[in-house]
Amino acid sequence: MTRNPPPIDLSEPPAIEVRGAHKHYGALHAVDGIDLRIARGEIFGLIGHNGAGKSTLFKMILGLTPATAGEIRVGGATVQGRDFRAARRHLGYLPENVVLYDNLNGLETLHFFARLKGAPLAQCPALLEQVGLAHAGKRAVRDYSKGMRQRLGFAQALLGDPQVLLLDEPTNGLDPQAIRDFYATLRELQAGGVTIVITSHILAELQERVDRLAILASGKLQALGSVQALREQAHMPLTIHLTLASADRPAALGLLSAVPGITAAETPEGLHVDCPRGSKMAVLGALAPLGTALQDLQIQEPSLEDVYFDLRKG
């Protein structure tokens, strides 16, 4: 089901603003001149190949890695400025690789992180319940599965009711039901005004779940926008699947030959048509004379994965 995100007002002061950010390690430019504005209450995706700069940018936003050049603001506070110490208390972070103390149980782990963050200990049982670990709160973390560790890591990111959440590959090790529950929690948080930035290598998982996303490559911002806007930017064809009896396919091919720029080929079910985005209505109009001979029609947009690889080529 296509997600209908809430309207995002990019004219308002952003939750996160990155201006000309660079991070150099000698000759390696891990982040190379990125400009980015992430709105309050937005679910924002950050995608790219390994080494594209995603995790480095996360650490820069958190103030863990100082920028070589440029400026980063979170909640209006400059990351390297005096006000950021207070602003950081409203940040939640789930790293790609969650490191936990195996000798503590789940509740003790949350108590430990709550003390570090200055969050109330009374939050911890409810957070375990929220991430589906209430039954394992007294169990030693050494006995947790990978997915349970990931959920406990997510719970610690939620300590202190953060206004900005940075989630680096957050669904590692989660089963399909846990992934669904995780994104349901994100939607609830977004409804409460929380800004969420999320990275994932599973692009199909993000496709219908983010308001906008950025594609990074070699430390640079390569593309930015909603999934639909990126589809249009990539100028990739739509795929139209037609279900037709064998006897009706020659007539359909004849009708489609009048539409410039498309390609059509027979399939076991009917015809497969690659169609430029601007020719979609022309294709549908050309097929109208078929009437009920056209048994079914499905229009397939390029997937986020298709768009990602096409834009990276460009």
Protein backbone atom coordinates (compact mmCIF):
# COMPACT_ATOMS: atom_id res chain seq x y z
CA MET A 1 0.00 0.00 0.00
CA THR A 2 1.33 3.45 -0.91
CA ARG A 3 2.00 5.59 2.13
CA ASN A 4 0.48 9.06 2.19
CA PRO A 5 3.00 11.15 4.16
CA PRO A 6 1.98 14.31 5.98
CA PRO A 7 2.79 17.57 4.21
CA ILE A 8 6.35 18.73 4.85
CA ASP A 9 6.90 22.49 5.07
CA LEU A 10 10.46 23.13 3.90
CA SER A 11 10.00 26.89 4.44
CA GLU A 12 10.05 26.40 8.22
CA PRO A 13 13.35 26.26 10.17
CA PRO A 14 14.70 22.74 9.59
CA ALA A 15 15.38 20.10 12.22
CA ILE A 16 18.76 19.45 10.59
CA GLU A 17 20.69 21.78 8.31
CA VAL A 18 23.97 20.84 6.64
CA ARG A 19 25.84 23.59 4.80
CA GLY A 20 28.89 22.82 2.70
CA ALA A 21 29.94 19.97 4.98
CA HIS A 22 33.31 18.33 4.33
CA LYS A 23 35.14 15.59 6.21
CA HIS A 24 38.60 14.72 4.95
CA TYR A 25 40.90 11.99 6.17
CA GLY A 26 44.04 12.96 4.33
CA ALA A 27 43.35 12.41 0.64
CA LEU A 28 40.07 10.62 1.39
CA HIS A 29 37.03 12.92 1.19
CA ALA A 30 34.48 10.90 3.17
CA VAL A 31 31.98 13.79 3.01
CA ASP A 32 32.60 16.20 0.16
CA GLY A 33 30.56 19.41 0.15
CA ILE A 34 27.06 18.29 1.21
CA ASP A 35 24.16 20.74 1.56
CA LEU A 36 20.99 19.34 3.11
CA ARG A 37 17.86 20.55 4.91
CA ILE A 38 15.70 18.01 6.74
CA ALA A 39 12.33 19.30 7.89
CA ARG A 40 10.85 18.87 11.34
CA GLY A 41 8.59 15.84 11.46
CA GLU A 42 10.04 14.34 8.28
CA ILE A 43 11.01 10.71 7.73
CA PHE A 44 14.12 11.10 5.61
CA GLY A 45 16.05 8.30 3.92
CA LEU A 46 19.79 8.34 3.32
CA ILE A 47 21.05 5.74 0.86
CA GLY A 48 24.30 4.96 -0.89
CA HIS A 49 26.94 2.30 -1.38
CA ASN A 50 29.31 1.23 1.40
CA GLY A 51 31.74 4.08 1.86
CA ALA A 52 29.37 6.68 0.36
CA GLY A 53 29.62 8.80 3.52
CA LYS A 54 26.33 7.96 5.28
CA SER A 55 27.77 6.88 8.64
CA THR A 56 30.35 9.69 8.61
CA LEU A 57 27.57 12.23 8.02
CA PHE A 58 25.59 10.71 10.91
CA LYS A 59 28.58 11.08 13.23
CA MET A 60 29.07 14.68 12.10
CA ILE A 61 25.41 15.48 12.85
CA LEU A 62 25.83 13.90 16.29
CA GLY A 63 28.96 15.96 16.97
CA LEU A 64 31.08 12.82 17.31
CA THR A 65 33.19 13.68 14.26
CA PRO A 66 34.11 17.34 13.66
CA ALA A 67 33.66 18.68 10.15
CA THR A 68 36.77 19.64 8.21
CA ALA A 69 34.75 22.51 6.74
CA GLY A 70 31.16 23.69 6.64
CA GLU A 71 28.44 24.00 9.25
CA ILE A 72 25.85 21.62 10.69
CA ARG A 73 22.88 22.74 12.80
CA VAL A 74 20.50 20.50 14.71
CA GLY A 75 17.42 22.09 16.23
CA GLY A 76 18.95 25.48 15.44
CA ALA A 77 22.13 24.76 17.43
CA THR A 78 25.52 24.61 15.71
CA VAL A 79 26.99 21.15 16.28
CA GLN A 80 30.34 22.51 17.43
CA GLY A 81 28.79 25.41 19.37
CA ARG A 82 28.06 25.89 23.06
CA ASP A 83 24.33 25.27 22.71
CA PHE A 84 24.73 21.83 21.19
CA ARG A 85 25.30 20.06 24.52
CA ALA A 86 21.69 20.81 25.46
CA ALA A 87 20.42 20.07 21.95
CA ARG A 88 22.12 16.68 21.92
CA ARG A 89 19.91 15.53 24.80
CA HIS A 90 17.05 15.61 22.29
CA LEU A 91 18.85 13.32 19.82
CA GLY A 92 18.47 9.56 19.62
CA TYR A 93 20.96 7.39 17.74
CA LEU A 94 20.98 3.75 16.75
CA PRO A 95 24.35 2.77 15.23
CA GLU A 96 24.67 0.14 12.55
CA ASN A 97 26.45 -2.23 14.92
CA VAL A 98 24.85 -2.20 18.36
CA VAL A 99 27.36 -2.89 21.15
CA LEU A 100 25.80 -3.98 24.45
CA TYR A 101 27.07 -5.37 27.75
CA ASP A 102 26.31 -9.10 27.77
CA ASN A 103 26.40 -9.36 31.57
CA LEU A 104 23.48 -6.92 31.97
CA ASN A 105 19.86 -7.80 31.37
CA GLY A 106 17.62 -5.78 29.06
CA LEU A 107 16.19 -3.52 31.78
CA GLU A 108 19.62 -2.92 33.33
CA THR A 109 20.94 -2.00 29.88
CA LEU A 110 18.28 0.66 29.45
CA HIS A 111 18.92 1.94 32.99
CA PHE A 112 22.61 2.28 32.12
CA PHE A 113 21.92 4.31 28.98
CA ALA A 114 19.23 6.36 30.72
CA ARG A 115 21.74 7.47 33.38
CA LEU A 116 24.23 8.43 30.67
CA LYS A 117 21.60 10.47 28.86
CA GLY A 118 19.93 11.95 31.91
CA ALA A 119 16.62 10.30 30.99
CA PRO A 120 14.16 9.10 33.65
CA LEU A 121 14.59 5.45 34.64
CA ALA A 122 10.82 5.18 34.84
CA GLN A 123 10.71 5.26 31.01
CA CYS A 124 12.59 1.99 30.65
CA PRO A 125 9.87 -0.63 31.26
CA ALA A 126 7.50 1.15 28.85
CA LEU A 127 10.21 1.28 26.17
CA LEU A 128 10.85 -2.45 26.54
CA GLU A 129 7.12 -2.95 26.04
CA GLN A 130 7.13 -0.63 23.02
CA VAL A 131 9.85 -2.61 21.22
CA GLY A 132 8.40 -6.01 22.14
CA LEU A 133 10.95 -6.99 24.79
CA ALA A 134 8.88 -6.76 27.98
CA HIS A 135 9.04 -10.55 28.32
CA ALA A 136 12.85 -10.48 28.14
CA GLY A 137 13.61 -7.51 30.36
CA LYS A 138 15.14 -9.67 33.10
CA ARG A 139 17.02 -11.92 30.66
CA ALA A 140 20.77 -11.45 30.21
CA VAL A 141 21.66 -9.73 26.97
CA ARG A 142 24.10 -12.55 26.19
CA ASP A 143 21.04 -14.72 25.57
CA TYR A 144 19.42 -12.24 23.17
CA SER A 145 19.15 -13.02 19.46
CA LYS A 146 20.47 -10.52 16.91
CA GLY A 147 16.97 -9.18 16.35
CA MET A 148 16.38 -8.77 20.09
CA ARG A 149 19.66 -6.87 20.43
CA GLN A 150 18.57 -4.62 17.59
CA ARG A 151 15.24 -3.91 19.28
CA LEU A 152 17.02 -3.15 22.55
CA GLY A 153 19.29 -0.76 20.68
CA PHE A 154 16.21 0.95 19.26
CA ALA A 155 14.76 1.26 22.77
CA GLN A 156 17.91 3.05 24.00
CA ALA A 157 17.66 5.44 21.04
CA LEU A 158 14.15 6.36 22.24
CA LEU A 159 15.27 7.26 25.78
CA GLY A 160 14.53 10.84 26.73
CA ASP A 161 11.80 11.34 24.10
CA PRO A 162 14.18 12.56 21.35
CA GLN A 163 12.99 15.10 18.80
CA VAL A 164 15.50 13.85 16.20
CA LEU A 165 16.24 10.16 15.60
CA LEU A 166 19.23 8.95 13.56
CA LEU A 167 18.86 5.27 12.68
CA ASP A 168 21.72 3.51 10.86
CA GLU A 169 20.56 0.22 9.28
CA PRO A 170 17.96 -0.21 12.06
CA THR A 171 16.25 -3.36 10.78
CA ASN A 172 19.35 -5.58 10.72
CA GLY A 173 18.34 -8.96 12.10
CA LEU A 174 14.63 -8.17 12.40
CA ASP A 175 12.03 -10.60 11.07
CA PRO A 176 9.21 -9.34 8.79
CA GLN A 177 6.74 -8.80 11.64
CA ALA A 178 9.32 -6.92 13.69
CA ILE A 179 10.12 -4.72 10.67
CA ARG A 180 6.45 -3.91 10.24
CA ASP A 181 6.13 -3.07 13.95
CA PHE A 182 9.29 -0.95 13.77
CA TYR A 183 7.93 1.23 10.96
CA ALA A 184 4.56 1.50 12.69
CA THR A 185 6.43 2.93 15.68
CA LEU A 186 8.23 5.40 13.41
CA ARG A 187 4.89 6.61 12.02
CA GLU A 188 3.61 7.16 15.57
CA LEU A 189 6.75 9.11 16.44
CA GLN A 190 6.43 11.18 13.28
CA ALA A 191 2.82 11.99 14.18
CA GLY A 192 4.22 13.39 17.43
CA GLY A 193 6.59 15.68 15.53
CA VAL A 194 9.78 13.61 15.70
CA THR A 195 12.23 13.96 12.81
CA ILE A 196 13.67 10.63 11.65
CA VAL A 197 16.71 10.04 9.45
CA ILE A 198 17.19 6.44 8.42
CA THR A 199 19.69 4.50 6.31
CA SER A 200 19.08 1.07 4.87
CA HIS A 201 20.62 -1.15 2.22
CA ILE A 202 17.16 -2.70 1.71
CA LEU A 203 15.82 -0.09 -0.69
CA ALA A 204 12.45 -1.78 -1.16
CA GLU A 205 11.93 -1.35 2.57
CA LEU A 206 12.31 2.44 2.33
CA GLN A 207 10.41 2.92 -0.91
CA GLU A 208 6.95 3.57 0.55
CA ARG A 209 8.09 4.64 4.01
CA VAL A 210 10.06 7.87 3.61
CA ASP A 211 8.91 11.36 2.72
CA ARG A 212 12.13 12.20 0.90
CA LEU A 213 15.54 10.67 0.50
CA ALA A 214 19.06 11.59 -0.51
CA ILE A 215 21.44 9.46 -2.57
CA LEU A 216 25.10 9.77 -1.60
CA ALA A 217 28.01 8.61 -3.73
CA SER A 218 31.69 9.08 -2.87
CA GLY A 219 30.84 11.63 -0.22
CA LYS A 220 28.71 13.80 -2.52
CA LEU A 221 24.96 14.39 -2.67
CA GLN A 222 23.94 12.87 -5.98
CA ALA A 223 20.15 13.21 -5.86
CA LEU A 224 17.50 14.48 -3.46
CA GLY A 225 13.70 14.31 -3.41
CA SER A 226 10.67 12.12 -2.90
CA VAL A 227 10.72 8.67 -4.48
CA GLN A 228 8.34 9.91 -7.18
CA ALA A 229 10.47 13.00 -7.86
CA LEU A 230 13.56 10.82 -8.23
CA ARG A 231 11.68 8.54 -10.62
CA GLU A 232 10.88 11.54 -12.78
CA GLN A 233 14.45 12.82 -12.53
CA ALA A 234 15.79 9.47 -13.73
CA HIS A 235 13.51 9.54 -16.83
CA MET A 236 13.08 5.79 -16.54
CA PRO A 237 10.26 4.16 -18.54
CA LEU A 238 7.12 2.80 -16.99
CA THR A 239 6.34 -0.86 -17.51
CA ILE A 240 2.81 -1.74 -18.61
CA HIS A 241 1.66 -5.36 -18.47
CA LEU A 242 -1.30 -6.24 -20.71
CA THR A 243 -3.28 -9.43 -20.36
CA LEU A 244 -4.61 -10.49 -23.77
CA ALA A 245 -5.61 -13.69 -25.55
CA SER A 246 -3.09 -14.82 -28.16
CA ALA A 247 -5.50 -13.98 -30.99
CA ASP A 248 -5.79 -10.34 -29.82
CA ARG A 249 -2.09 -9.61 -29.49
CA PRO A 250 -1.36 -8.73 -33.15
CA ALA A 251 -4.14 -6.11 -33.06
CA ALA A 252 -2.73 -4.66 -29.83
CA LEU A 253 0.77 -4.50 -31.29
CA GLY A 254 -0.63 -2.72 -34.34
CA LEU A 255 -2.39 -0.13 -32.20
CA LEU A 256 0.73 0.44 -30.08
CA SER A 257 2.91 0.97 -33.14
CA ALA A 258 1.29 4.38 -33.53
CA VAL A 259 2.75 5.55 -30.18
CA PRO A 260 6.34 6.81 -30.59
CA GLY A 261 9.10 5.83 -28.18
CA ILE A 262 7.61 2.62 -26.78
CA THR A 263 8.73 -0.98 -27.09
CA ALA A 264 6.40 -3.96 -26.81
CA ALA A 265 7.07 -7.67 -26.57
CA GLU A 266 4.90 -10.74 -26.10
CA THR A 267 4.76 -12.55 -22.77
CA PRO A 268 2.94 -15.75 -21.78
CA GLU A 269 0.06 -13.60 -20.47
CA GLY A 270 -0.05 -10.93 -23.16
CA LEU A 271 2.27 -7.98 -23.82
CA HIS A 272 5.03 -6.21 -21.93
CA VAL A 273 5.31 -2.52 -22.84
CA ASP A 274 8.14 -0.14 -21.90
CA CYS A 275 6.70 3.33 -22.05
CA PRO A 276 8.23 6.79 -21.53
CA ARG A 277 6.49 8.50 -18.62
CA GLY A 278 5.02 11.20 -20.87
CA SER A 279 3.48 8.63 -23.23
CA LYS A 280 1.39 6.77 -20.65
CA MET A 281 -1.92 8.38 -21.61
CA ALA A 282 -1.16 7.96 -25.32
CA VAL A 283 -0.67 4.22 -24.75
CA LEU A 284 -3.95 3.95 -22.85
CA GLY A 285 -5.74 5.88 -25.59
CA ALA A 286 -4.26 3.69 -28.31
CA LEU A 287 -5.51 0.56 -26.54
CA ALA A 288 -9.11 1.81 -26.18
CA PRO A 289 -10.35 0.14 -29.42
CA LEU A 290 -9.54 -3.27 -27.91
CA GLY A 291 -12.47 -2.94 -25.53
CA THR A 292 -13.07 -6.07 -23.47
CA ALA A 293 -10.40 -7.96 -25.41
CA LEU A 294 -7.98 -6.24 -23.02
CA GLN A 295 -8.54 -8.46 -19.99
CA ASP A 296 -6.25 -6.64 -17.54
CA LEU A 297 -3.70 -3.83 -17.41
CA GLN A 298 -1.05 -3.12 -14.78
CA ILE A 299 1.22 -0.07 -14.71
CA GLN A 300 4.48 -0.60 -12.83
CA GLU A 301 6.66 2.31 -11.71
CA PRO A 302 10.45 1.83 -11.52
CA SER A 303 11.44 0.60 -8.07
CA LEU A 304 13.64 2.69 -5.80
CA GLU A 305 16.41 0.19 -6.48
CA ASP A 306 16.05 0.73 -10.25
CA VAL A 307 16.10 4.50 -9.76
CA TYR A 308 19.11 4.33 -7.44
CA PHE A 309 21.27 2.42 -9.91
CA ASP A 310 20.14 4.59 -12.83
CA LEU A 311 20.98 7.84 -11.03
CA ARG A 312 24.33 6.46 -9.88
CA LYS A 313 25.20 5.73 -13.52
CA GLY A 314 24.48 9.35 -14.36
